[in-house]
Amino acid sequence: MPLNYLFSKRNQKIRDEIPDIIYHDILPNKLRNQINYIIVDTIDKLF
């Protein structure tokens, strides 16, 4: 039995439960700005 075959996973499979998954379609502006700064800083350091 593999290590990632946990009790909770087996239990979900037995009860046919769908795991809670959160999907995000839109990134918040603050996060976009941070990602942009990281990319720009990285490119500046390379060139």
Protein backbone atom coordinates (compact mmCIF):
# COMPACT_ATOMS: atom_id res chain seq x y z
CA MET A 1 0.00 0.00 0.00
CA PRO A 2 1.60 3.32 -1.04
CA LEU A 3 2.13 6.05 1.48
CA ASN A 4 -0.18 8.52 -0.24
CA TYR A 5 -3.14 6.15 0.04
CA LEU A 6 -4.42 7.73 3.25
CA PHE A 7 -7.47 6.80 5.23
CA SER A 8 -9.22 10.02 4.24
CA LYS A 9 -8.64 9.29 0.55
CA ARG A 10 -9.90 5.74 0.89
CA ASN A 11 -12.88 7.00 2.81
CA GLN A 12 -13.72 9.58 0.13
CA LYS A 13 -13.53 6.90 -2.51
CA ILE A 14 -15.86 4.62 -0.57
CA ARG A 15 -18.42 7.38 0.05
CA ASP A 16 -18.07 8.86 -3.48
CA GLU A 17 -17.33 12.32 -2.12
CA ILE A 18 -15.93 15.05 -4.26
CA PRO A 19 -13.02 16.84 -2.60
CA ASP A 20 -13.32 20.56 -1.94
CA ILE A 21 -11.34 22.38 -4.60
CA ILE A 22 -11.16 26.13 -4.96
CA TYR A 23 -10.74 27.57 -8.43
CA HIS A 24 -9.67 31.14 -9.06
CA ASP A 25 -10.19 32.65 -12.47
CA ILE A 26 -9.11 36.19 -11.67
CA LEU A 27 -5.93 37.22 -9.86
CA PRO A 28 -6.22 40.13 -7.44
CA ASN A 29 -4.50 43.32 -8.57
CA LYS A 30 -2.11 43.31 -5.60
CA LEU A 31 -0.87 39.86 -6.53
CA ARG A 32 -0.54 40.84 -10.19
CA ASN A 33 1.58 43.81 -9.21
CA GLN A 34 3.82 41.69 -7.00
CA ILE A 35 4.32 39.12 -9.74
CA ASN A 36 5.07 41.90 -12.20
CA TYR A 37 7.70 43.42 -9.87
CA ILE A 38 9.33 40.05 -9.35
CA ILE A 39 9.58 39.41 -13.09
CA VAL A 40 10.88 42.91 -13.85
CA ASP A 41 13.48 42.71 -11.05
CA THR A 42 14.62 39.31 -12.25
CA ILE A 43 14.96 40.47 -15.86
CA ASP A 44 16.86 43.57 -14.72
CA LYS A 45 19.34 41.45 -12.81
CA LEU A 46 19.92 39.23 -15.81
CA PHE A 47 20.56 42.07 -18.29
